[in-house]
């Protein structure tokens, strides 16, 4: 069995904008996630809808967030991380793709000159 020389936890910066009426609002927060092999996960779910595979993959690997001010409670306070709050985030238009791209970008190696 093999393993990598780096740990299996990564901090993932997520940044996006979203229209709020005529105003464009900027959101930034950090996810804490486990690094797992996407190809193995995808192959194990062969035949499932790709959006379901991506959503489940993120839900299984993201364990926390900090600085999050997009998902709010009824009193307008930021929601603490929970499976339900994260699922709510992923169901917002376009955000699952943004989160997945940020996750795969941060988990992969980067060329350094």
Protein backbone atom coordinates (compact mmCIF):
# COMPACT_ATOMS: atom_id res chain seq x y z
CA UNK A 1 0.00 0.00 0.00
CA UNK A 2 1.19 3.53 -0.77
CA UNK A 3 0.58 6.94 0.74
CA UNK A 4 1.64 10.49 -0.08
CA UNK A 5 4.24 12.54 1.76
CA UNK A 6 1.64 15.17 2.66
CA UNK A 7 -1.20 15.03 5.18
CA UNK A 8 -4.76 14.17 4.26
CA UNK A 9 -6.40 17.42 5.47
CA UNK A 10 -6.48 20.58 3.39
CA UNK A 11 -7.85 24.10 3.87
CA UNK A 12 -9.77 25.24 0.81
CA UNK A 13 -10.40 28.93 0.12
CA UNK A 14 -13.74 29.49 -1.62
CA UNK A 15 -14.48 32.83 -3.29
CA UNK A 16 -17.46 33.84 -5.38
CA UNK A 17 -19.81 36.68 -6.15
CA UNK A 18 -23.56 36.60 -6.41
CA UNK A 19 -26.14 39.14 -7.51
CA UNK A 20 -28.39 40.51 -4.77
CA UNK A 21 -30.86 42.59 -6.74
CA UNK A 22 -28.77 45.13 -8.64
CA UNK A 23 -25.83 44.74 -6.25
CA UNK A 24 -23.03 42.18 -6.63
CA UNK A 25 -21.97 40.70 -3.31
CA UNK A 26 -18.64 38.99 -2.67
CA UNK A 27 -18.32 35.94 -0.41
CA UNK A 28 -15.14 34.31 0.88
CA UNK A 29 -14.70 31.48 3.37
CA UNK A 30 -12.49 28.49 4.04
CA UNK A 31 -13.50 24.84 4.01
CA UNK A 32 -11.64 22.14 5.91
CA UNK A 33 -11.65 18.86 4.02
CA UNK A 34 -10.09 15.44 3.80
CA UNK A 35 -8.10 14.69 0.67
CA UNK A 36 -9.28 11.51 -1.02
CA UNK A 37 -8.78 10.09 -4.46
CA UNK A 38 -11.49 11.42 -6.78
CA UNK A 39 -10.89 8.82 -9.49
CA UNK A 40 -11.36 5.90 -7.08
CA UNK A 41 -14.52 7.48 -5.66
CA UNK A 42 -15.97 8.21 -9.10
CA UNK A 43 -15.16 4.73 -10.39
CA UNK A 44 -16.87 3.13 -7.38
CA UNK A 45 -20.03 5.07 -8.23
CA UNK A 46 -20.00 4.17 -11.94
CA UNK A 47 -23.48 4.56 -13.39
CA UNK A 48 -24.65 7.19 -10.88
CA UNK A 49 -25.48 10.70 -12.08
CA UNK A 50 -22.30 12.80 -12.01
CA UNK A 51 -23.91 15.64 -10.05
CA UNK A 52 -24.94 13.15 -7.34
CA UNK A 53 -21.42 11.73 -7.26
CA UNK A 54 -19.86 15.18 -6.88
CA UNK A 55 -22.34 16.26 -4.20
CA UNK A 56 -21.83 13.06 -2.18
CA UNK A 57 -18.05 13.26 -2.58
CA UNK A 58 -17.99 16.80 -1.19
CA UNK A 59 -20.40 15.93 1.62
CA UNK A 60 -18.21 12.99 2.66
CA UNK A 61 -14.96 14.96 2.61
CA UNK A 62 -15.72 18.51 3.78
CA UNK A 63 -15.70 18.58 7.57
CA UNK A 64 -15.85 22.25 8.60
CA UNK A 65 -15.86 25.86 7.46
CA UNK A 66 -14.64 29.18 8.80
CA UNK A 67 -15.48 32.74 7.85
CA UNK A 68 -18.69 31.56 6.19
CA UNK A 69 -21.33 34.32 5.91
CA UNK A 70 -23.45 33.03 3.03
CA UNK A 71 -25.65 30.42 4.75
CA UNK A 72 -27.57 32.21 7.48
CA UNK A 73 -29.85 31.24 10.33
CA UNK A 74 -33.29 32.82 10.76
CA UNK A 75 -31.72 35.54 12.95
CA UNK A 76 -29.28 36.43 10.09
CA UNK A 77 -26.29 34.99 11.94
CA UNK A 78 -23.92 32.78 9.92
CA UNK A 79 -24.79 29.10 10.27
CA UNK A 80 -22.27 26.87 11.98
CA UNK A 81 -21.00 24.00 9.87
CA UNK A 82 -23.29 20.99 9.79
CA UNK A 83 -24.18 18.40 7.18
CA UNK A 84 -27.50 20.17 6.63
CA UNK A 85 -25.97 23.65 6.30
CA UNK A 86 -23.31 22.39 3.87
CA UNK A 87 -25.93 20.56 1.82
CA UNK A 88 -27.95 23.79 1.68
CA UNK A 89 -24.87 25.62 0.36
CA UNK A 90 -24.27 23.00 -2.33
CA UNK A 91 -27.87 23.28 -3.54
CA UNK A 92 -27.56 26.99 -4.31
CA UNK A 93 -27.23 27.74 -8.05
CA UNK A 94 -23.66 27.30 -9.25
CA UNK A 95 -22.08 26.79 -5.84
CA UNK A 96 -21.49 23.05 -6.01
CA UNK A 97 -19.31 23.58 -9.09
CA UNK A 98 -17.41 26.43 -7.43
CA UNK A 99 -16.79 24.37 -4.29
CA UNK A 100 -15.75 21.29 -6.27
CA UNK A 101 -13.32 23.30 -8.41
CA UNK A 102 -11.81 24.92 -5.31
CA UNK A 103 -11.49 21.49 -3.66
CA UNK A 104 -9.79 19.83 -6.63
CA UNK A 105 -7.51 22.84 -7.15
CA UNK A 106 -6.29 22.83 -3.56
CA UNK A 107 -5.91 19.06 -3.28
CA UNK A 108 -3.79 18.74 -6.40
CA UNK A 109 -0.12 19.46 -6.84
CA UNK A 110 0.91 22.80 -8.29
CA UNK A 111 3.89 23.48 -10.49
CA UNK A 112 6.37 25.83 -8.87
CA UNK A 113 9.15 27.60 -10.79
